[in-house]
Amino acid sequence: MSIAARAAAAHQLAQQQREYQSSRKDMDADIARVAGQLATLLGIGPHRVRADRSRSRLSLPLQPLTLRVPDLDARTPSGGVEYAFTYLDPSYDDESFFLLDPCPLCSALVPMAEIRTLADLGAFLSTGPEPLPDNGGTPPDSYPDAFDEHPAHTRSCPYRESQQVELMRSGRTSEALGLDPGRRTTVAERVEIPLEQRFPWLTGPSLTLLSRSG
């Protein structure tokens, strides 16, 4: 394909992305933009990218957006090919996509490669993941940070998320922070601070101030 033809194809995809974003009134604008970004990265039409609409913006830790893309031109003996990607926060337009693929130890779908260009995806598909230490040691540098302690790892996997993160994800923040959920914390209490301590050049009655405690 000539450079001119490639440029024309890129322009056509960009135009499709703009039309897609303006037509998807049923989808959050940020999610539609991210879906368009992934489509442009993969060189496909944005209508082929399916975004997970069940994602909650209010979850803590922040729940990434999952996007699935079927490869209509690829087939395997077991059927079609579909790729799944995550994007941490659609509010920002400069983050990386992460390819979801089975963990070599527990087979759960977790982030296995950071994808910023189509070449990044090609590199992973051509070489596959590097072997992992069986004892849960530090993963090779080729693994993204999002791989370690991802919630999708099985409980028996040495790379599963920590207990603290698991508690926070289930809404048990007090336990995760080591606090007693039954303890009532005083937001503020009244204390008497003598004026001569706060302002040595003044004398007279003490000044009542609010001081945070707990």
N, C-alpha and C. Protein backbone atom coordinates (compact mmCIF):
# COMPACT_ATOMS: atom_id res chain seq x y z
N MET A 1 0.84 -1.19 0.00
CA MET A 1 0.00 0.00 0.00
C MET A 1 0.88 1.25 0.00
N SER A 2 0.59 2.20 -0.85
CA SER A 2 1.39 3.41 -0.93
C SER A 2 1.18 4.31 0.28
N ILE A 3 2.08 5.26 0.45
CA ILE A 3 1.95 6.20 1.57
C ILE A 3 0.67 7.00 1.43
N ALA A 4 0.35 7.42 0.22
CA ALA A 4 -0.89 8.17 0.00
C ALA A 4 -2.11 7.34 0.37
N ALA A 5 -2.08 6.05 0.00
CA ALA A 5 -3.21 5.18 0.33
C ALA A 5 -3.33 4.98 1.83
N ARG A 6 -2.18 4.84 2.51
CA ARG A 6 -2.19 4.70 3.96
C ARG A 6 -2.74 5.97 4.62
N ALA A 7 -2.33 7.13 4.10
CA ALA A 7 -2.80 8.39 4.65
C ALA A 7 -4.31 8.53 4.47
N ALA A 8 -4.79 8.13 3.30
CA ALA A 8 -6.23 8.21 3.03
C ALA A 8 -7.01 7.27 3.95
N ALA A 9 -6.46 6.07 4.18
CA ALA A 9 -7.12 5.11 5.07
C ALA A 9 -7.14 5.63 6.50
N ALA A 10 -6.05 6.25 6.95
CA ALA A 10 -5.99 6.81 8.30
C ALA A 10 -7.00 7.94 8.45
N HIS A 11 -7.11 8.78 7.41
CA HIS A 11 -8.09 9.88 7.44
C HIS A 11 -9.51 9.33 7.52
N GLN A 12 -9.77 8.27 6.79
CA GLN A 12 -11.10 7.68 6.80
C GLN A 12 -11.45 7.13 8.18
N LEU A 13 -10.47 6.47 8.83
CA LEU A 13 -10.70 5.94 10.17
C LEU A 13 -10.94 7.06 11.17
N ALA A 14 -10.17 8.15 11.05
CA ALA A 14 -10.35 9.28 11.95
C ALA A 14 -11.74 9.90 11.78
N GLN A 15 -12.19 9.97 10.53
CA GLN A 15 -13.53 10.49 10.26
C GLN A 15 -14.59 9.58 10.86
N GLN A 16 -14.41 8.28 10.75
CA GLN A 16 -15.35 7.34 11.34
C GLN A 16 -15.40 7.49 12.85
N GLN A 17 -14.23 7.74 13.45
CA GLN A 17 -14.18 7.91 14.90
C GLN A 17 -14.98 9.14 15.32
N ARG A 18 -14.82 10.26 14.61
CA ARG A 18 -15.56 11.47 14.95
C ARG A 18 -17.06 11.26 14.79
N GLU A 19 -17.46 10.61 13.71
CA GLU A 19 -18.88 10.35 13.49
C GLU A 19 -19.44 9.41 14.55
N TYR A 20 -18.62 8.43 14.95
CA TYR A 20 -19.05 7.47 15.98
C TYR A 20 -19.30 8.18 17.31
N GLN A 21 -18.37 9.05 17.70
CA GLN A 21 -18.51 9.75 18.98
C GLN A 21 -19.73 10.65 18.99
N SER A 22 -20.00 11.32 17.88
CA SER A 22 -21.14 12.23 17.83
C SER A 22 -22.47 11.49 17.75
N SER A 23 -22.45 10.24 17.26
CA SER A 23 -23.70 9.49 17.09
C SER A 23 -24.07 8.67 18.31
N ARG A 24 -23.11 8.39 19.20
CA ARG A 24 -23.40 7.53 20.35
C ARG A 24 -23.90 8.34 21.54
N LYS A 25 -25.13 8.81 21.42
CA LYS A 25 -25.73 9.59 22.50
C LYS A 25 -26.05 8.71 23.71
N ASP A 26 -26.12 7.39 23.48
CA ASP A 26 -26.44 6.47 24.57
C ASP A 26 -25.20 6.08 25.37
N MET A 27 -24.04 6.58 24.99
CA MET A 27 -22.80 6.19 25.65
C MET A 27 -22.11 7.42 26.22
N ASP A 28 -21.49 7.25 27.39
CA ASP A 28 -20.71 8.32 27.98
C ASP A 28 -19.69 8.84 26.97
N ALA A 29 -19.55 10.16 26.88
CA ALA A 29 -18.67 10.76 25.88
C ALA A 29 -17.24 10.30 26.07
N ASP A 30 -16.78 10.16 27.32
CA ASP A 30 -15.41 9.72 27.57
C ASP A 30 -15.20 8.29 27.11
N ILE A 31 -16.20 7.44 27.35
CA ILE A 31 -16.08 6.04 26.94
C ILE A 31 -16.10 5.93 25.42
N ALA A 32 -16.95 6.72 24.77
CA ALA A 32 -16.98 6.72 23.31
C ALA A 32 -15.64 7.18 22.74
N ARG A 33 -15.03 8.17 23.38
CA ARG A 33 -13.72 8.64 22.90
C ARG A 33 -12.67 7.56 23.04
N VAL A 34 -12.65 6.86 24.19
CA VAL A 34 -11.66 5.80 24.41
C VAL A 34 -11.88 4.66 23.42
N ALA A 35 -13.13 4.32 23.17
CA ALA A 35 -13.41 3.26 22.18
C ALA A 35 -12.89 3.67 20.81
N GLY A 36 -13.05 4.95 20.47
CA GLY A 36 -12.52 5.44 19.20
C GLY A 36 -11.01 5.41 19.15
N GLN A 37 -10.37 5.73 20.28
CA GLN A 37 -8.90 5.67 20.34
C GLN A 37 -8.40 4.26 20.09
N LEU A 38 -9.06 3.27 20.71
CA LEU A 38 -8.64 1.89 20.52
C LEU A 38 -8.85 1.45 19.08
N ALA A 39 -9.97 1.87 18.50
CA ALA A 39 -10.23 1.52 17.10
C ALA A 39 -9.16 2.10 16.18
N THR A 40 -8.77 3.34 16.43
CA THR A 40 -7.73 3.96 15.62
C THR A 40 -6.41 3.23 15.79
N LEU A 41 -6.10 2.86 17.02
CA LEU A 41 -4.85 2.13 17.28
C LEU A 41 -4.81 0.81 16.52
N LEU A 42 -5.96 0.12 16.48
CA LEU A 42 -6.01 -1.19 15.83
C LEU A 42 -6.27 -1.09 14.34
N GLY A 43 -6.63 0.11 13.86
CA GLY A 43 -6.89 0.27 12.43
C GLY A 43 -8.20 -0.33 11.99
N ILE A 44 -9.22 -0.22 12.84
CA ILE A 44 -10.54 -0.78 12.52
C ILE A 44 -11.60 0.30 12.75
N GLY A 45 -12.81 0.01 12.34
CA GLY A 45 -13.91 0.93 12.58
C GLY A 45 -14.32 0.92 14.05
N PRO A 46 -14.70 2.06 14.62
CA PRO A 46 -15.04 2.12 16.05
C PRO A 46 -16.27 1.31 16.43
N HIS A 47 -17.14 1.03 15.47
CA HIS A 47 -18.34 0.24 15.77
C HIS A 47 -18.00 -1.20 16.16
N ARG A 48 -16.76 -1.63 15.91
CA ARG A 48 -16.37 -3.00 16.27
C ARG A 48 -15.86 -3.10 17.71
N VAL A 49 -15.73 -1.98 18.39
CA VAL A 49 -15.25 -1.97 19.78
C VAL A 49 -16.45 -1.94 20.72
N ARG A 50 -16.55 -2.94 21.59
CA ARG A 50 -17.66 -3.01 22.54
C ARG A 50 -17.14 -2.65 23.94
N ALA A 51 -17.71 -1.61 24.52
CA ALA A 51 -17.30 -1.17 25.85
C ALA A 51 -18.22 -1.75 26.90
N ASP A 52 -17.65 -2.11 28.03
CA ASP A 52 -18.42 -2.65 29.15
C ASP A 52 -19.14 -1.50 29.86
N ARG A 53 -20.46 -1.50 29.81
CA ARG A 53 -21.23 -0.40 30.40
C ARG A 53 -21.57 -0.63 31.86
N SER A 54 -21.19 -1.76 32.41
CA SER A 54 -21.49 -2.05 33.81
C SER A 54 -20.47 -1.44 34.76
N ARG A 55 -19.44 -0.81 34.22
CA ARG A 55 -18.39 -0.21 35.05
C ARG A 55 -18.95 0.90 35.91
N SER A 56 -18.52 0.92 37.17
CA SER A 56 -18.95 1.96 38.10
C SER A 56 -17.85 3.01 38.26
N ARG A 57 -18.22 4.28 38.13
CA ARG A 57 -17.26 5.36 38.32
C ARG A 57 -16.90 5.55 39.78
N LEU A 58 -17.75 5.03 40.69
CA LEU A 58 -17.58 5.31 42.11
C LEU A 58 -16.85 4.22 42.86
N SER A 59 -16.47 3.14 42.17
CA SER A 59 -15.82 2.04 42.87
C SER A 59 -14.42 2.42 43.31
N LEU A 60 -14.02 1.92 44.47
CA LEU A 60 -12.67 2.11 44.99
C LEU A 60 -12.11 0.75 45.37
N PRO A 61 -10.91 0.40 44.91
CA PRO A 61 -10.09 1.14 43.96
C PRO A 61 -10.81 1.32 42.62
N LEU A 62 -10.32 2.25 41.80
CA LEU A 62 -10.96 2.58 40.53
C LEU A 62 -11.04 1.35 39.64
N GLN A 63 -12.22 1.12 39.09
CA GLN A 63 -12.45 -0.03 38.22
C GLN A 63 -12.15 0.34 36.77
N PRO A 64 -11.22 -0.34 36.11
CA PRO A 64 -10.89 0.00 34.72
C PRO A 64 -12.06 -0.30 33.78
N LEU A 65 -12.05 0.39 32.66
CA LEU A 65 -13.02 0.13 31.60
C LEU A 65 -12.52 -1.03 30.75
N THR A 66 -13.39 -2.00 30.47
CA THR A 66 -13.04 -3.14 29.63
C THR A 66 -13.64 -2.95 28.24
N LEU A 67 -12.85 -3.18 27.22
CA LEU A 67 -13.30 -3.07 25.84
C LEU A 67 -12.96 -4.36 25.10
N ARG A 68 -13.92 -4.88 24.34
CA ARG A 68 -13.72 -6.13 23.61
C ARG A 68 -13.81 -5.88 22.11
N VAL A 69 -12.91 -6.55 21.40
CA VAL A 69 -12.82 -6.34 19.95
C VAL A 69 -12.74 -7.69 19.25
N PRO A 70 -13.75 -8.08 18.49
CA PRO A 70 -13.65 -9.33 17.71
C PRO A 70 -12.80 -9.11 16.46
N ASP A 71 -11.98 -10.10 16.15
CA ASP A 71 -11.18 -10.05 14.92
C ASP A 71 -11.95 -10.83 13.86
N LEU A 72 -12.62 -10.11 12.99
CA LEU A 72 -13.49 -10.74 12.00
C LEU A 72 -12.73 -11.49 10.92
N ASP A 73 -11.43 -11.23 10.83
CA ASP A 73 -10.64 -11.87 9.77
C ASP A 73 -9.79 -13.03 10.29
N ALA A 74 -9.91 -13.36 11.56
CA ALA A 74 -9.11 -14.44 12.14
C ALA A 74 -10.03 -15.53 12.67
N ARG A 75 -9.62 -16.76 12.44
CA ARG A 75 -10.37 -17.92 12.93
C ARG A 75 -9.42 -18.92 13.55
N THR A 76 -9.90 -19.63 14.54
CA THR A 76 -9.15 -20.72 15.16
C THR A 76 -10.01 -21.98 15.11
N PRO A 77 -9.43 -23.16 15.37
CA PRO A 77 -10.24 -24.39 15.37
C PRO A 77 -11.42 -24.32 16.33
N SER A 78 -11.30 -23.51 17.39
CA SER A 78 -12.38 -23.42 18.39
C SER A 78 -13.36 -22.30 18.09
N GLY A 79 -13.11 -21.52 17.04
CA GLY A 79 -14.04 -20.44 16.71
C GLY A 79 -13.32 -19.15 16.39
N GLY A 80 -14.03 -18.03 16.59
CA GLY A 80 -13.48 -16.72 16.28
C GLY A 80 -12.49 -16.25 17.33
N VAL A 81 -11.84 -15.13 17.01
CA VAL A 81 -10.84 -14.55 17.89
C VAL A 81 -11.37 -13.22 18.42
N GLU A 82 -11.24 -13.02 19.70
CA GLU A 82 -11.65 -11.76 20.31
C GLU A 82 -10.57 -11.28 21.27
N TYR A 83 -10.28 -10.00 21.22
CA TYR A 83 -9.29 -9.41 22.13
C TYR A 83 -10.01 -8.55 23.17
N ALA A 84 -9.48 -8.56 24.37
CA ALA A 84 -10.04 -7.74 25.44
C ALA A 84 -8.95 -6.80 25.97
N PHE A 85 -9.32 -5.56 26.16
CA PHE A 85 -8.39 -4.54 26.64
C PHE A 85 -9.02 -3.82 27.83
N THR A 86 -8.17 -3.25 28.67
CA THR A 86 -8.66 -2.38 29.73
C THR A 86 -8.03 -1.01 29.60
N TYR A 87 -8.74 -0.01 30.13
CA TYR A 87 -8.27 1.38 30.15
C TYR A 87 -8.67 1.90 31.51
N LEU A 88 -7.69 2.38 32.29
CA LEU A 88 -7.95 2.67 33.70
C LEU A 88 -9.02 3.72 33.91
N ASP A 89 -8.86 4.90 33.32
CA ASP A 89 -9.79 5.99 33.60
C ASP A 89 -10.11 6.75 32.31
N PRO A 90 -11.32 6.57 31.77
CA PRO A 90 -11.68 7.25 30.52
C PRO A 90 -11.70 8.78 30.64
N SER A 91 -11.62 9.32 31.86
CA SER A 91 -11.59 10.77 32.03
C SER A 91 -10.31 11.36 31.44
N TYR A 92 -9.30 10.53 31.26
CA TYR A 92 -8.02 10.99 30.72
C TYR A 92 -7.80 10.34 29.35
N ASP A 93 -7.16 11.10 28.46
CA ASP A 93 -6.98 10.58 27.10
C ASP A 93 -5.55 10.17 26.78
N ASP A 94 -4.69 10.13 27.80
CA ASP A 94 -3.27 9.82 27.53
C ASP A 94 -2.80 8.56 28.25
N GLU A 95 -3.72 7.70 28.65
CA GLU A 95 -3.33 6.47 29.34
C GLU A 95 -3.12 5.34 28.34
N SER A 96 -2.54 4.26 28.83
CA SER A 96 -2.29 3.10 27.97
C SER A 96 -3.47 2.14 28.01
N PHE A 97 -3.60 1.35 26.96
CA PHE A 97 -4.48 0.19 26.99
C PHE A 97 -3.67 -0.99 27.48
N PHE A 98 -4.35 -1.95 28.11
CA PHE A 98 -3.70 -3.17 28.56
C PHE A 98 -4.43 -4.36 27.98
N LEU A 99 -3.68 -5.26 27.37
CA LEU A 99 -4.26 -6.47 26.80
C LEU A 99 -4.53 -7.48 27.90
N LEU A 100 -5.76 -7.99 27.94
CA LEU A 100 -6.11 -9.05 28.88
C LEU A 100 -5.83 -10.39 28.24
N ASP A 101 -5.08 -11.23 28.96
CA ASP A 101 -4.73 -12.56 28.46
C ASP A 101 -4.57 -13.47 29.67
N PRO A 102 -4.64 -14.79 29.49
CA PRO A 102 -4.55 -15.67 30.66
C PRO A 102 -3.22 -15.55 31.40
N CYS A 103 -3.29 -15.50 32.72
CA CYS A 103 -2.09 -15.53 33.55
C CYS A 103 -1.41 -16.89 33.37
N PRO A 104 -0.10 -16.92 33.19
CA PRO A 104 0.60 -18.20 32.99
C PRO A 104 0.47 -19.16 34.17
N LEU A 105 0.15 -18.63 35.36
CA LEU A 105 0.07 -19.50 36.54
C LEU A 105 -1.35 -19.90 36.90
N CYS A 106 -2.30 -18.96 36.79
CA CYS A 106 -3.66 -19.29 37.24
C CYS A 106 -4.69 -19.26 36.12
N SER A 107 -4.29 -18.83 34.92
CA SER A 107 -5.14 -18.79 33.72
C SER A 107 -6.25 -17.75 33.77
N ALA A 108 -6.28 -16.90 34.80
CA ALA A 108 -7.28 -15.83 34.85
C ALA A 108 -6.92 -14.74 33.86
N LEU A 109 -7.92 -14.07 33.31
CA LEU A 109 -7.68 -12.98 32.37
C LEU A 109 -7.22 -11.74 33.14
N VAL A 110 -5.99 -11.36 32.93
CA VAL A 110 -5.39 -10.23 33.64
C VAL A 110 -4.57 -9.40 32.65
N PRO A 111 -4.21 -8.17 33.00
CA PRO A 111 -3.37 -7.36 32.09
C PRO A 111 -2.01 -8.01 31.88
N MET A 112 -1.72 -8.33 30.63
CA MET A 112 -0.47 -9.03 30.32
C MET A 112 0.50 -8.18 29.50
N ALA A 113 0.00 -7.12 28.87
CA ALA A 113 0.88 -6.29 28.05
C ALA A 113 0.32 -4.88 27.96
N GLU A 114 1.21 -3.90 28.05
CA GLU A 114 0.81 -2.50 27.84
C GLU A 114 0.80 -2.23 26.34
N ILE A 115 -0.31 -1.69 25.85
CA ILE A 115 -0.48 -1.49 24.41
C ILE A 115 -0.66 0.00 24.12
N ARG A 116 0.38 0.61 23.56
CA ARG A 116 0.28 2.01 23.13
C ARG A 116 0.26 2.13 21.60
N THR A 117 0.78 1.10 20.94
CA THR A 117 0.79 1.10 19.48
C THR A 117 0.42 -0.30 18.99
N LEU A 118 0.11 -0.41 17.72
CA LEU A 118 -0.20 -1.71 17.15
C LEU A 118 1.02 -2.62 17.21
N ALA A 119 2.21 -2.03 17.15
CA ALA A 119 3.44 -2.83 17.24
C ALA A 119 3.57 -3.48 18.61
N ASP A 120 3.09 -2.82 19.66
CA ASP A 120 3.13 -3.42 21.00
C ASP A 120 2.30 -4.70 21.03
N LEU A 121 1.13 -4.65 20.42
CA LEU A 121 0.28 -5.85 20.36
C LEU A 121 0.96 -6.93 19.54
N GLY A 122 1.57 -6.54 18.41
CA GLY A 122 2.27 -7.51 17.58
C GLY A 122 3.42 -8.17 18.30
N ALA A 123 4.14 -7.39 19.12
CA ALA A 123 5.27 -7.95 19.86
C ALA A 123 4.81 -9.01 20.85
N PHE A 124 3.71 -8.73 21.55
CA PHE A 124 3.21 -9.72 22.52
C PHE A 124 2.70 -10.97 21.82
N LEU A 125 1.96 -10.79 20.74
CA LEU A 125 1.39 -11.94 20.04
C LEU A 125 2.47 -12.82 19.40
N SER A 126 3.59 -12.22 19.05
CA SER A 126 4.64 -12.99 18.39
C SER A 126 5.54 -13.72 19.38
N THR A 127 5.71 -13.18 20.57
CA THR A 127 6.63 -13.79 21.54
C THR A 127 5.90 -14.45 22.72
N GLY A 128 4.72 -13.95 23.05
CA GLY A 128 4.02 -14.49 24.21
C GLY A 128 4.63 -14.00 25.51
N PRO A 129 4.03 -14.33 26.64
CA PRO A 129 4.54 -13.87 27.94
C PRO A 129 5.81 -14.62 28.36
N GLU A 130 6.67 -13.92 29.08
CA GLU A 130 7.85 -14.58 29.65
C GLU A 130 7.43 -15.46 30.83
N PRO A 131 8.22 -16.50 31.13
CA PRO A 131 7.90 -17.36 32.28
C PRO A 131 7.93 -16.55 33.58
N LEU A 132 7.07 -16.93 34.52
CA LEU A 132 6.99 -16.28 35.82
C LEU A 132 7.64 -17.13 36.89
N PRO A 133 8.19 -16.51 37.94
CA PRO A 133 8.69 -17.30 39.08
C PRO A 133 7.54 -18.05 39.75
N ASP A 134 7.74 -19.29 40.07
CA ASP A 134 6.66 -20.09 40.67
C ASP A 134 6.30 -19.62 42.08
N ASN A 135 7.23 -18.95 42.75
CA ASN A 135 6.98 -18.55 44.13
C ASN A 135 6.38 -17.16 44.27
N GLY A 136 5.97 -16.55 43.15
CA GLY A 136 5.37 -15.23 43.23
C GLY A 136 6.39 -14.12 43.34
N GLY A 137 7.60 -14.35 42.89
CA GLY A 137 8.61 -13.31 42.91
C GLY A 137 8.31 -12.20 41.92
N THR A 138 9.17 -11.23 41.84
CA THR A 138 8.96 -10.08 40.97
C THR A 138 8.82 -10.53 39.51
N PRO A 139 7.73 -10.13 38.83
CA PRO A 139 7.57 -10.53 37.44
C PRO A 139 8.65 -9.90 36.55
N PRO A 140 8.94 -10.48 35.40
CA PRO A 140 9.89 -9.87 34.46
C PRO A 140 9.43 -8.47 34.05
N ASP A 141 10.35 -7.66 33.59
CA ASP A 141 10.04 -6.27 33.23
C ASP A 141 9.01 -6.17 32.11
N SER A 142 8.86 -7.22 31.34
CA SER A 142 7.90 -7.17 30.23
C SER A 142 6.45 -7.17 30.73
N TYR A 143 6.24 -7.54 32.00
CA TYR A 143 4.89 -7.53 32.56
C TYR A 143 4.54 -6.13 33.04
N PRO A 144 3.32 -5.66 32.75
CA PRO A 144 2.93 -4.33 33.23
C PRO A 144 2.69 -4.34 34.74
N ASP A 145 2.77 -3.17 35.35
CA ASP A 145 2.51 -3.07 36.79
C ASP A 145 1.11 -3.54 37.14
N ALA A 146 0.17 -3.36 36.21
CA ALA A 146 -1.21 -3.74 36.48
C ALA A 146 -1.39 -5.25 36.63
N PHE A 147 -0.40 -6.02 36.20
CA PHE A 147 -0.50 -7.48 36.31
C PHE A 147 -0.48 -7.93 37.76
N ASP A 148 0.46 -7.37 38.54
CA ASP A 148 0.65 -7.79 39.93
C ASP A 148 -0.51 -7.30 40.79
N GLU A 149 -1.07 -8.20 41.59
CA GLU A 149 -2.17 -7.93 42.51
C GLU A 149 -3.46 -7.53 41.79
N HIS A 150 -3.63 -8.00 40.57
CA HIS A 150 -4.89 -7.74 39.87
C HIS A 150 -5.99 -8.59 40.50
N PRO A 151 -7.20 -8.05 40.68
CA PRO A 151 -8.26 -8.79 41.37
C PRO A 151 -8.74 -10.04 40.65
N ALA A 152 -8.47 -10.16 39.35
CA ALA A 152 -8.95 -11.34 38.62
C ALA A 152 -8.12 -12.59 38.90
N HIS A 153 -6.91 -12.44 39.45
CA HIS A 153 -6.11 -13.62 39.79
C HIS A 153 -6.89 -14.50 40.78
N THR A 154 -6.74 -15.81 40.65
CA THR A 154 -7.41 -16.71 41.58
C THR A 154 -6.75 -16.63 42.96
N ARG A 155 -7.46 -17.09 43.97
CA ARG A 155 -6.96 -17.01 45.35
C ARG A 155 -5.68 -17.82 45.54
N SER A 156 -5.50 -18.85 44.74
CA SER A 156 -4.30 -19.67 44.89
C SER A 156 -3.10 -19.10 44.15
N CYS A 157 -3.33 -18.06 43.34
CA CYS A 157 -2.24 -17.49 42.55
C CYS A 157 -1.37 -16.59 43.43
N PRO A 158 -0.06 -16.73 43.37
CA PRO A 158 0.81 -15.87 44.20
C PRO A 158 0.76 -14.40 43.79
N TYR A 159 0.14 -14.09 42.66
CA TYR A 159 0.05 -12.70 42.22
C TYR A 159 -1.33 -12.09 42.46
N ARG A 160 -2.13 -12.75 43.29
CA ARG A 160 -3.46 -12.20 43.60
C ARG A 160 -3.30 -10.89 44.38
N GLU A 161 -4.42 -10.13 44.45
CA GLU A 161 -4.38 -8.85 45.13
C GLU A 161 -4.22 -9.04 46.63
N SER A 162 -3.68 -8.03 47.30
CA SER A 162 -3.46 -8.11 48.74
C SER A 162 -4.80 -8.09 49.48
N GLN A 163 -4.78 -8.57 50.72
CA GLN A 163 -6.00 -8.61 51.51
C GLN A 163 -6.55 -7.19 51.74
N GLN A 164 -5.66 -6.22 51.91
CA GLN A 164 -6.11 -4.85 52.14
C GLN A 164 -6.90 -4.31 50.95
N VAL A 165 -6.38 -4.53 49.73
CA VAL A 165 -7.06 -4.07 48.54
C VAL A 165 -8.38 -4.82 48.36
N GLU A 166 -8.39 -6.10 48.68
CA GLU A 166 -9.61 -6.89 48.55
C GLU A 166 -10.70 -6.36 49.48
N LEU A 167 -10.33 -6.00 50.71
CA LEU A 167 -11.30 -5.44 51.65
C LEU A 167 -11.85 -4.11 51.15
N MET A 168 -10.98 -3.27 50.61
CA MET A 168 -11.44 -1.98 50.09
C MET A 168 -12.37 -2.18 48.91
N ARG A 169 -12.07 -3.14 48.07
CA ARG A 169 -12.91 -3.38 46.90
C ARG A 169 -14.30 -3.85 47.30
N SER A 170 -14.40 -4.55 48.42
CA SER A 170 -15.69 -5.04 48.88
C SER A 170 -16.41 -4.04 49.78
N GLY A 171 -15.85 -2.84 49.91
CA GLY A 171 -16.50 -1.80 50.69
C GLY A 171 -16.16 -1.81 52.17
N ARG A 172 -15.24 -2.66 52.59
CA ARG A 172 -14.88 -2.75 54.02
C ARG A 172 -13.62 -1.92 54.27
N THR A 173 -13.77 -0.61 54.04
CA THR A 173 -12.63 0.30 54.10
C THR A 173 -12.04 0.39 55.50
N SER A 174 -12.91 0.40 56.52
CA SER A 174 -12.43 0.53 57.90
C SER A 174 -11.51 -0.63 58.28
N GLU A 175 -11.90 -1.84 57.89
CA GLU A 175 -11.06 -3.00 58.17
C GLU A 175 -9.76 -2.91 57.40
N ALA A 176 -9.86 -2.44 56.14
CA ALA A 176 -8.65 -2.35 55.32
C ALA A 176 -7.65 -1.37 55.90
N LEU A 177 -8.14 -0.33 56.54
CA LEU A 177 -7.26 0.67 57.12
C LEU A 177 -6.86 0.34 58.55
N GLY A 178 -7.29 -0.81 59.04
CA GLY A 178 -6.92 -1.22 60.38
C GLY A 178 -7.69 -0.52 61.47
N LEU A 179 -8.90 0.01 61.14
CA LEU A 179 -9.71 0.70 62.13
C LEU A 179 -10.77 -0.23 62.67
N ASP A 180 -11.24 0.06 63.85
CA ASP A 180 -12.33 -0.68 64.46
C ASP A 180 -13.64 -0.11 63.93
N PRO A 181 -14.41 -0.87 63.13
CA PRO A 181 -15.64 -0.31 62.55
C PRO A 181 -16.67 0.07 63.58
N GLY A 182 -16.56 -0.46 64.81
CA GLY A 182 -17.53 -0.14 65.84
C GLY A 182 -17.19 1.11 66.63
N ARG A 183 -16.02 1.68 66.41
CA ARG A 183 -15.60 2.85 67.16
C ARG A 183 -16.13 4.11 66.52
N ARG A 184 -16.75 4.97 67.31
CA ARG A 184 -17.24 6.25 66.82
C ARG A 184 -16.13 7.28 66.96
N THR A 185 -15.79 7.90 65.87
CA THR A 185 -14.71 8.86 65.86
C THR A 185 -15.25 10.27 66.04
N THR A 186 -14.71 10.99 66.97
CA THR A 186 -15.13 12.36 67.20
C THR A 186 -14.53 13.24 66.12
N VAL A 187 -15.37 13.97 65.42
CA VAL A 187 -14.89 14.81 64.33
C VAL A 187 -14.20 16.04 64.88
N ALA A 188 -14.79 16.66 65.91
CA ALA A 188 -14.18 17.86 66.49
C ALA A 188 -14.56 17.96 67.96
N GLU A 189 -13.72 18.50 68.76
CA GLU A 189 -14.01 18.74 70.17
C GLU A 189 -13.57 20.14 70.54
N ARG A 190 -14.22 20.70 71.54
CA ARG A 190 -13.91 22.05 71.96
C ARG A 190 -12.75 21.99 72.96
N VAL A 191 -11.77 22.81 72.76
CA VAL A 191 -10.64 22.90 73.68
C VAL A 191 -10.39 24.36 74.01
N GLU A 192 -9.92 24.59 75.22
CA GLU A 192 -9.62 25.94 75.67
C GLU A 192 -8.14 26.22 75.47
N ILE A 193 -7.83 27.23 74.67
CA ILE A 193 -6.44 27.61 74.43
C ILE A 193 -6.26 29.02 74.97
N PRO A 194 -5.49 29.19 76.02
CA PRO A 194 -5.28 30.54 76.57
C PRO A 194 -4.72 31.48 75.53
N LEU A 195 -5.23 32.70 75.54
CA LEU A 195 -4.79 33.69 74.57
C LEU A 195 -3.30 33.96 74.67
N GLU A 196 -2.77 33.92 75.92
CA GLU A 196 -1.36 34.24 76.07
C GLU A 196 -0.46 33.19 75.43
N GLN A 197 -1.03 31.96 75.18
CA GLN A 197 -0.26 30.93 74.49
C GLN A 197 -0.33 31.11 72.98
N ARG A 198 -1.52 31.52 72.50
CA ARG A 198 -1.69 31.73 71.07
C ARG A 198 -1.10 33.05 70.63
N PHE A 199 -1.34 34.08 71.45
CA PHE A 199 -0.87 35.43 71.13
C PHE A 199 -0.23 36.02 72.37
N PRO A 200 1.06 35.83 72.55
CA PRO A 200 1.74 36.24 73.79
C PRO A 200 1.59 37.73 74.10
N TRP A 201 1.32 38.55 73.12
CA TRP A 201 1.23 39.98 73.37
C TRP A 201 -0.15 40.41 73.87
N LEU A 202 -1.09 39.44 73.94
CA LEU A 202 -2.42 39.74 74.44
C LEU A 202 -2.63 39.11 75.81
N THR A 203 -3.47 39.71 76.60
CA THR A 203 -3.86 39.15 77.89
C THR A 203 -5.36 39.24 78.00
N GLY A 204 -5.95 38.42 78.84
CA GLY A 204 -7.37 38.47 79.01
C GLY A 204 -7.98 37.09 79.04
N PRO A 205 -9.30 36.99 78.85
CA PRO A 205 -10.01 35.70 78.91
C PRO A 205 -9.47 34.74 77.84
N SER A 206 -9.64 33.51 78.14
CA SER A 206 -9.19 32.48 77.17
C SER A 206 -10.06 32.50 75.94
N LEU A 207 -9.50 32.00 74.82
CA LEU A 207 -10.18 31.97 73.54
C LEU A 207 -10.61 30.54 73.24
N THR A 208 -11.88 30.34 72.90
CA THR A 208 -12.39 29.01 72.58
C THR A 208 -12.21 28.76 71.09
N LEU A 209 -11.48 27.67 70.73
CA LEU A 209 -11.23 27.30 69.34
C LEU A 209 -11.67 25.87 69.11
N LEU A 210 -11.91 25.53 67.87
CA LEU A 210 -12.22 24.17 67.49
C LEU A 210 -10.94 23.46 67.06
N SER A 211 -10.72 22.25 67.55
CA SER A 211 -9.55 21.48 67.20
C SER A 211 -9.98 20.09 66.77
N ARG A 212 -9.48 19.61 65.63
CA ARG A 212 -9.81 18.26 65.16
C ARG A 212 -9.09 17.23 66.00
N SER A 213 -9.76 16.12 66.21
CA SER A 213 -9.15 15.00 66.96
C SER A 213 -9.60 13.72 66.32
N GLY A 214 -9.06 12.65 66.81
CA GLY A 214 -9.45 11.34 66.28
C GLY A 214 -8.51 10.90 65.23
